[in-house]
């Protein structure tokens, strides 16, 4: 029987940081622990994730804007650190777990000062800026990929491969078969650019799908998440091409949409890749070129090399190229099903369990973990 403990989760306010933090919060709570969240104003208001969790907003500046900007950020970080230390004096966390993003930094700095055990979780295939700043001082580093760039070899002894936790509703799709399309049946396409949409997808996808052969185009059924400023134009494009499409800025039932989709066209953010590999869905990925350290291109590498996705750089993402890749995936049902299996083979379905196990183990250790992982990383499932 586990004893009840307190844990602080610290995360930036974007979905990529908040979704895995929320999954861990749910798991730790189910194990009888108490959880508090530290984030920025966006994070504590993130819809549907931390509604029953104690939340705290700490000041955290971004290291940008030259010397004056750095000075302002430093002052904010120190103020946030002091607030975190006050929180720890009353909440008494057994460990502080950081998920990246500048709002996580003051919480981790406060933990170092109060000698509270610390863990960072990296969702991407490139170690993020905040995680790089603190990696040398934390007790453990949980990763989502076997190969993480910008992670120093000297940290190998405290690195644990766990994967990137996803929502339970997405993980449940793993037990549902891939909806192999019938020869003349509907071919469902899901287009999503993450929580904010992606204008490049709205610009290219409707015209790209219009270039498909007529017999294929008539089978299409599209769900397209778009920015609010793009919706009218995108809806008009699909209507002009005669392609049935539902356009929305937000998809509250995204897991169900993912369940029946045959192909997903998306960015290559960490949460997107984790959900595609958890569910086993073929994808065409267009990495965001402005992502820090080009981490989305690196994120896409594993699933692409496995054969579960096709990656198109944004500079090459044209209607003609998209139509070509869709046909390669969609005109052969067996090829599509094989791609789904290969995407699924990259998934790490026990990520939240293994991360929670690591969290529970770390707070009982007086110092840094010697040697390798606290438990062997779960083997990825073999291809059928």
Protein backbone atom coordinates (compact mmCIF):
# COMPACT_ATOMS: atom_id res chain seq x y z
CA UNK A 1 0.00 0.00 0.00
CA UNK A 2 1.50 3.29 -1.09
CA UNK A 3 1.50 6.20 1.33
CA UNK A 4 -0.13 9.43 0.23
CA UNK A 5 2.37 12.14 -0.77
CA UNK A 6 2.32 15.62 -2.25
CA UNK A 7 3.76 16.43 -5.67
CA UNK A 8 4.16 19.68 -7.59
CA UNK A 9 3.94 19.64 -11.38
CA UNK A 10 5.45 22.66 -13.15
CA UNK A 11 4.70 23.28 -16.83
CA UNK A 12 4.51 25.97 -19.48
CA UNK A 13 1.07 26.99 -20.63
CA UNK A 14 0.96 25.27 -24.04
CA UNK A 15 -0.79 22.00 -24.80
CA UNK A 16 2.51 20.23 -25.44
CA UNK A 17 3.52 20.81 -21.82
CA UNK A 18 0.11 20.69 -20.17
CA UNK A 19 -1.30 17.46 -21.64
CA UNK A 20 1.43 15.14 -20.29
CA UNK A 21 1.40 17.01 -16.97
CA UNK A 22 -2.36 16.49 -16.72
CA UNK A 23 -2.01 12.80 -17.53
CA UNK A 24 0.55 12.42 -14.73
CA UNK A 25 -1.67 14.40 -12.34
CA UNK A 26 -4.55 12.01 -13.03
CA UNK A 27 -2.35 8.95 -12.49
CA UNK A 28 -0.81 10.24 -9.25
CA UNK A 29 -4.23 11.24 -7.92
CA UNK A 30 -5.57 7.77 -8.74
CA UNK A 31 -2.69 6.36 -6.67
CA UNK A 32 -3.85 8.38 -3.68
CA UNK A 33 -1.44 11.31 -3.89
CA UNK A 34 -2.18 15.03 -3.81
CA UNK A 35 -1.03 17.17 -6.73
CA UNK A 36 -0.53 20.92 -7.25
CA UNK A 37 0.15 22.66 -10.56
CA UNK A 38 2.52 25.57 -11.11
CA UNK A 39 2.18 27.36 -14.46
CA UNK A 40 1.40 30.72 -16.05
CA UNK A 41 -2.00 32.31 -16.58
CA UNK A 42 -2.64 30.28 -19.74
CA UNK A 43 -1.77 26.99 -18.09
CA UNK A 44 -4.04 27.28 -15.05
CA UNK A 45 -6.95 28.14 -17.37
CA UNK A 46 -6.28 25.34 -19.86
CA UNK A 47 -9.71 23.84 -20.60
CA UNK A 48 -10.57 20.44 -19.19
CA UNK A 49 -7.19 19.44 -17.77
CA UNK A 50 -6.64 20.69 -14.21
CA UNK A 51 -10.15 21.58 -13.04
CA UNK A 52 -9.88 19.72 -9.71
CA UNK A 53 -6.20 20.44 -9.03
CA UNK A 54 -4.74 23.15 -6.80
CA UNK A 55 -3.09 25.69 -9.11
CA UNK A 56 -0.51 28.46 -8.64
CA UNK A 57 0.69 31.15 -11.04
CA UNK A 58 4.34 32.13 -10.58
CA UNK A 59 6.08 35.01 -12.38
CA UNK A 60 8.51 33.71 -14.99
CA UNK A 61 10.21 35.93 -17.56
CA UNK A 62 11.50 34.77 -20.92
CA UNK A 63 15.22 35.08 -21.64
CA UNK A 64 14.90 37.35 -24.65
CA UNK A 65 15.06 41.03 -25.60
CA UNK A 66 18.76 41.65 -25.00
CA UNK A 67 20.41 42.69 -21.71
CA UNK A 68 17.41 44.69 -20.45
CA UNK A 69 15.05 41.84 -21.26
CA UNK A 70 17.34 39.37 -19.51
CA UNK A 71 17.45 41.62 -16.45
CA UNK A 72 13.65 41.82 -16.29
CA UNK A 73 13.39 38.07 -16.76
CA UNK A 74 15.93 37.48 -14.00
CA UNK A 75 13.94 39.59 -11.58
CA UNK A 76 10.75 37.74 -12.41
CA UNK A 77 12.47 34.38 -12.03
CA UNK A 78 13.78 35.36 -8.59
CA UNK A 79 10.31 36.48 -7.54
CA UNK A 80 8.84 33.23 -8.82
CA UNK A 81 11.54 31.22 -7.02
CA UNK A 82 10.70 32.95 -3.73
CA UNK A 83 7.00 32.22 -4.20
CA UNK A 84 7.77 28.58 -4.99
CA UNK A 85 9.85 28.25 -1.82
CA UNK A 86 6.95 29.65 0.22
CA UNK A 87 4.61 27.13 -1.41
CA UNK A 88 6.95 24.25 -0.58
CA UNK A 89 7.17 25.35 3.07
CA UNK A 90 3.42 24.74 3.40
CA UNK A 91 2.67 22.07 0.77
CA UNK A 92 5.76 19.91 1.55
CA UNK A 93 6.16 18.20 -1.85
CA UNK A 94 7.93 14.87 -2.04
CA UNK A 95 9.17 15.90 -5.50
CA UNK A 96 8.79 18.63 -8.11
CA UNK A 97 8.34 17.52 -11.70
CA UNK A 98 9.06 19.99 -14.51
CA UNK A 99 7.61 19.61 -18.01
CA UNK A 100 9.49 22.42 -19.72
CA UNK A 101 8.51 25.96 -20.61
CA UNK A 102 9.68 29.06 -18.79
CA UNK A 103 6.93 28.87 -16.13
CA UNK A 104 8.54 25.63 -14.90
CA UNK A 105 11.89 27.28 -14.18
CA UNK A 106 11.11 29.22 -10.95
CA UNK A 107 9.43 26.12 -9.50
CA UNK A 108 12.55 24.04 -10.15
CA UNK A 109 14.86 26.77 -8.83
CA UNK A 110 12.79 26.87 -5.64
CA UNK A 111 13.06 23.09 -5.36
CA UNK A 112 16.84 23.24 -5.65
CA UNK A 113 16.94 25.83 -2.87
CA UNK A 114 14.70 23.75 -0.60
CA UNK A 115 16.49 20.51 -1.53
CA UNK A 116 13.30 18.93 -2.83
CA UNK A 117 13.92 16.02 -5.27
CA UNK A 118 13.38 17.01 -8.89
CA UNK A 119 12.55 15.35 -12.20
CA UNK A 120 12.18 16.87 -15.65
CA UNK A 121 10.18 15.34 -18.47
CA UNK A 122 11.11 16.12 -22.07
CA UNK A 123 8.33 15.62 -24.61
CA UNK A 124 10.38 16.39 -27.72
CA UNK A 125 13.29 14.71 -29.45
CA UNK A 126 15.44 17.78 -28.71
CA UNK A 127 15.97 18.84 -25.10
CA UNK A 128 14.18 22.17 -24.58
CA UNK A 129 15.81 25.35 -23.34
CA UNK A 130 14.54 25.28 -19.77
CA UNK A 131 15.26 21.57 -19.42
CA UNK A 132 18.79 22.20 -20.72
CA UNK A 133 19.29 24.89 -18.08
CA UNK A 134 18.41 22.57 -15.20
CA UNK A 135 19.40 19.12 -16.52
CA UNK A 136 22.68 19.09 -14.62
CA UNK A 137 21.00 19.70 -11.27
CA UNK A 138 17.88 17.52 -11.37
CA UNK A 139 17.75 14.01 -9.94
CA UNK A 140 16.24 12.33 -13.00
CA UNK A 141 15.45 13.09 -16.64
CA UNK A 142 12.47 11.35 -18.24
CA UNK A 143 12.49 11.25 -22.04
CA UNK A 144 9.98 10.44 -24.75
CA UNK A 145 12.48 9.27 -27.40
CA UNK A 146 15.42 6.90 -27.28
CA UNK A 147 17.63 9.51 -28.93
CA UNK A 148 17.26 13.05 -27.57
CA UNK A 149 19.42 15.77 -29.07
CA UNK A 150 21.09 18.42 -26.87
CA UNK A 151 21.17 15.92 -23.98
CA UNK A 152 24.73 15.62 -22.68
CA UNK A 153 26.22 12.10 -22.53
CA UNK A 154 27.34 12.82 -18.96
CA UNK A 155 23.66 12.74 -17.90
CA UNK A 156 23.13 9.19 -19.16
CA UNK A 157 23.09 7.71 -15.66
CA UNK A 158 19.92 9.56 -14.72
CA UNK A 159 18.03 9.34 -18.03
CA UNK A 160 14.86 7.21 -18.11
CA UNK A 161 12.96 6.46 -21.32
CA UNK A 162 9.25 6.53 -20.44
CA UNK A 163 7.51 8.04 -23.48
CA UNK A 164 5.09 10.96 -23.60
CA UNK A 165 1.83 10.49 -21.67
CA UNK A 166 -1.38 10.96 -23.63
CA UNK A 167 -5.01 11.32 -22.60
CA UNK A 168 -6.77 8.12 -21.56
CA UNK A 169 -9.35 8.64 -24.30
CA UNK A 170 -6.57 8.55 -26.90
CA UNK A 171 -4.81 5.58 -25.32
CA UNK A 172 -8.10 3.65 -25.47
CA UNK A 173 -7.94 3.82 -29.28
CA UNK A 174 -5.04 1.38 -29.13
CA UNK A 175 -7.55 -1.40 -28.48
CA UNK A 176 -9.69 -0.48 -31.47
CA UNK A 177 -8.82 -1.86 -34.92
CA UNK A 178 -7.73 0.45 -37.70
CA UNK A 179 -10.80 1.28 -39.84
CA UNK A 180 -9.46 -0.09 -43.12
CA UNK A 181 -11.38 1.70 -45.91
CA UNK A 182 -13.52 -0.35 -48.26
CA UNK A 183 -12.75 -0.12 -51.96
CA UNK A 184 -15.56 2.32 -52.69
CA UNK A 185 -16.20 3.45 -49.12
CA UNK A 186 -15.54 6.76 -47.42
CA UNK A 187 -11.94 7.88 -47.00
CA UNK A 188 -11.73 10.06 -43.89
CA UNK A 189 -9.04 12.71 -43.53
CA UNK A 190 -8.33 14.59 -40.30
CA UNK A 191 -6.43 17.87 -40.60
CA UNK A 192 -5.13 19.39 -37.38
CA UNK A 193 -2.48 21.98 -36.63
CA UNK A 194 -2.61 21.60 -32.87
CA UNK A 195 -4.58 23.73 -30.43
CA UNK A 196 -4.00 26.89 -32.52
CA UNK A 197 -4.49 25.40 -35.99
CA UNK A 198 -1.94 25.98 -38.76
CA UNK A 199 -2.48 28.41 -41.62
CA UNK A 200 -0.17 26.53 -44.00
CA UNK A 201 -2.42 23.46 -43.76
CA UNK A 202 -5.45 25.61 -44.54
CA UNK A 203 -3.68 27.11 -47.53
CA UNK A 204 -2.53 23.84 -49.08
CA UNK A 205 -4.78 20.94 -48.05
CA UNK A 206 -8.06 21.85 -49.82
CA UNK A 207 -6.30 22.43 -53.15
CA UNK A 208 -4.14 19.34 -52.67
CA UNK A 209 -7.14 17.09 -52.08
CA UNK A 210 -8.79 18.62 -55.16
CA UNK A 211 -5.93 17.25 -57.30
CA UNK A 212 -6.73 13.64 -56.40
CA UNK A 213 -8.30 11.44 -59.10
CA UNK A 214 -12.05 11.95 -59.36
CA UNK A 215 -12.97 8.47 -58.10
CA UNK A 216 -10.80 9.01 -55.01
CA UNK A 217 -11.92 12.58 -54.44
CA UNK A 218 -15.58 11.52 -54.37
CA UNK A 219 -14.85 9.23 -51.43
CA UNK A 220 -13.34 11.96 -49.23
CA UNK A 221 -14.80 13.11 -45.95
CA UNK A 222 -12.69 15.77 -44.24
CA UNK A 223 -12.54 17.22 -40.74
CA UNK A 224 -10.32 20.30 -40.71
CA UNK A 225 -9.23 22.28 -37.67
CA UNK A 226 -8.40 25.82 -38.75
CA UNK A 227 -7.66 29.20 -37.26
CA UNK A 228 -10.73 31.38 -36.87
CA UNK A 229 -9.39 33.86 -39.43
CA UNK A 230 -9.04 31.06 -42.01
CA UNK A 231 -12.39 29.32 -41.57
CA UNK A 232 -14.50 31.15 -44.16
CA UNK A 233 -11.82 30.87 -46.84
CA UNK A 234 -11.20 27.18 -46.15
CA UNK A 235 -14.92 26.37 -46.15
CA UNK A 236 -15.29 28.14 -49.50
CA UNK A 237 -12.35 26.21 -50.99
CA UNK A 238 -13.79 22.83 -50.03
CA UNK A 239 -17.21 23.85 -51.34
CA UNK A 240 -15.69 24.99 -54.64
CA UNK A 241 -13.96 21.62 -55.02
CA UNK A 242 -17.09 19.68 -54.04
CA UNK A 243 -15.34 17.98 -51.09
CA UNK A 244 -17.50 17.36 -47.98
CA UNK A 245 -15.69 18.98 -45.06
CA UNK A 246 -16.42 19.99 -41.48
CA UNK A 247 -14.39 23.03 -40.44
CA UNK A 248 -13.87 24.03 -36.79
CA UNK A 249 -11.43 26.00 -34.66
CA UNK A 250 -11.61 23.48 -31.83
CA UNK A 251 -12.40 19.76 -31.83
CA UNK A 252 -13.54 18.72 -28.34
CA UNK A 253 -14.06 15.16 -29.57
CA UNK A 254 -10.64 14.88 -31.23
CA UNK A 255 -9.99 11.33 -29.91
CA UNK A 256 -13.15 10.10 -31.61
CA UNK A 257 -12.21 11.92 -34.82
CA UNK A 258 -8.81 10.27 -34.62
CA UNK A 259 -10.48 6.88 -34.13
CA UNK A 260 -12.25 6.90 -37.50
CA UNK A 261 -9.62 8.76 -39.52
CA UNK A 262 -7.71 6.93 -42.26
CA UNK A 263 -5.01 9.60 -42.66
CA UNK A 264 -4.05 12.53 -40.44
CA UNK A 265 -2.42 15.66 -41.87
CA UNK A 266 -0.73 17.57 -39.06
CA UNK A 267 2.19 19.42 -37.58
CA UNK A 268 4.77 17.32 -35.74
CA UNK A 269 4.42 18.55 -32.18
CA UNK A 270 5.23 16.14 -29.37
CA UNK A 271 1.61 15.59 -28.33
CA UNK A 272 0.52 15.00 -31.93
CA UNK A 273 3.21 12.37 -32.51
CA UNK A 274 2.42 10.66 -29.20
CA UNK A 275 -1.28 10.47 -30.03
CA UNK A 276 -0.66 9.18 -33.56
CA UNK A 277 1.62 6.43 -32.28
CA UNK A 278 -0.66 5.58 -29.36
CA UNK A 279 -3.67 5.18 -31.65
CA UNK A 280 -1.76 3.83 -34.66
CA UNK A 281 -2.80 6.27 -37.37
CA UNK A 282 -0.89 6.98 -40.61
CA UNK A 283 0.04 10.61 -41.08
CA UNK A 284 1.45 13.23 -43.37
CA UNK A 285 3.51 15.54 -41.18
CA UNK A 286 4.53 19.12 -41.91
CA UNK A 287 6.97 20.22 -39.18
CA UNK A 288 6.79 23.83 -38.02
CA UNK A 289 10.01 25.36 -39.42
CA UNK A 290 10.22 28.03 -36.72
CA UNK A 291 10.10 25.52 -33.84
CA UNK A 292 13.04 25.92 -31.48
CA UNK A 293 16.03 23.85 -32.65
CA UNK A 294 13.77 22.53 -35.45
CA UNK A 295 12.56 19.99 -32.92
CA UNK A 296 9.40 19.07 -34.87
CA UNK A 297 11.49 17.71 -37.74
CA UNK A 298 13.39 15.58 -35.23
CA UNK A 299 10.14 14.51 -33.56
CA UNK A 300 8.86 13.19 -36.89
CA UNK A 301 11.97 11.15 -37.65
CA UNK A 302 11.16 7.98 -35.69
CA UNK A 303 7.61 7.44 -37.00
CA UNK A 304 8.70 8.38 -40.53
CA UNK A 305 11.65 5.98 -40.54
CA UNK A 306 9.35 3.25 -39.22
CA UNK A 307 7.00 3.77 -42.18
CA UNK A 308 4.07 5.13 -40.18
CA UNK A 309 4.21 8.65 -41.62
CA UNK A 310 5.50 10.74 -44.47
CA UNK A 311 7.22 14.01 -43.61
CA UNK A 312 7.06 16.99 -45.99
CA UNK A 313 9.14 20.08 -45.15
CA UNK A 314 7.00 23.20 -45.23
CA UNK A 315 9.08 24.59 -48.12
CA UNK A 316 8.04 21.55 -50.19
CA UNK A 317 4.46 21.36 -48.95
CA UNK A 318 2.49 22.14 -52.11
CA UNK A 319 -0.90 20.88 -53.33
CA UNK A 320 0.84 18.69 -55.90
CA UNK A 321 3.18 17.08 -53.35
CA UNK A 322 0.35 16.51 -50.89
CA UNK A 323 -1.82 14.85 -53.55
CA UNK A 324 1.09 12.58 -54.50
CA UNK A 325 1.68 11.47 -50.90
CA UNK A 326 -2.03 10.95 -50.20
CA UNK A 327 -2.31 8.69 -53.22
CA UNK A 328 0.73 6.66 -52.14
CA UNK A 329 -0.91 6.06 -48.77
CA UNK A 330 -4.56 5.87 -49.68
CA UNK A 331 -4.95 3.99 -52.95
CA UNK A 332 -3.64 0.71 -51.52
CA UNK A 333 -5.71 -0.37 -48.46
CA UNK A 334 -3.04 -2.87 -47.40
CA UNK A 335 -0.32 -0.21 -47.57
CA UNK A 336 -2.49 2.06 -45.43
CA UNK A 337 -3.06 -0.65 -42.85
CA UNK A 338 0.67 -1.45 -42.78
CA UNK A 339 1.42 2.23 -42.15
CA UNK A 340 -1.06 2.21 -39.27
CA UNK A 341 0.69 -0.81 -37.74
CA UNK A 342 4.08 0.84 -38.13
CA UNK A 343 2.86 4.05 -36.51
CA UNK A 344 1.46 1.99 -33.64
CA UNK A 345 4.79 0.18 -33.22
CA UNK A 346 6.39 3.51 -32.25
CA UNK A 347 3.92 4.09 -29.43
CA UNK A 348 4.80 3.82 -25.76
CA UNK A 349 1.44 3.08 -24.16
CA UNK A 350 2.75 2.77 -20.61
CA UNK A 351 4.29 6.24 -20.50
CA UNK A 352 2.14 7.67 -17.72
CA UNK A 353 2.49 4.53 -15.59
CA UNK A 354 6.26 4.47 -15.98
CA UNK A 355 6.57 8.20 -15.33
CA UNK A 356 4.47 7.89 -12.16
CA UNK A 357 6.60 4.95 -11.02
CA UNK A 358 9.71 7.06 -11.52
CA UNK A 359 8.16 9.94 -9.57
CA UNK A 360 7.25 7.67 -6.67
CA UNK A 361 10.73 6.17 -6.60
CA UNK A 362 12.68 9.41 -6.78
CA UNK A 363 11.33 11.05 -3.63
CA UNK A 364 12.62 8.23 -1.43
CA UNK A 365 16.19 8.62 -2.67
CA UNK A 366 18.46 11.03 -0.84
CA UNK A 367 20.42 12.00 -3.94
CA UNK A 368 20.83 11.37 -7.63
CA UNK A 369 19.93 7.94 -8.98
CA UNK A 370 23.05 5.87 -9.69
CA UNK A 371 23.17 3.76 -12.80
CA UNK A 372 20.45 3.44 -15.40
CA UNK A 373 16.68 3.42 -15.43
CA UNK A 374 14.58 2.73 -12.37
CA UNK A 375 12.87 0.04 -14.43
CA UNK A 376 13.54 -1.33 -17.91
CA UNK A 377 11.87 0.68 -20.64
CA UNK A 378 8.86 -1.22 -22.01
CA UNK A 379 9.63 -2.95 -25.26
CA UNK A 380 7.80 -1.53 -28.21
CA UNK A 381 5.28 -3.92 -29.68
CA UNK A 382 6.40 -5.96 -32.66
CA UNK A 383 4.82 -5.40 -36.04
CA UNK A 384 1.98 -7.72 -36.80
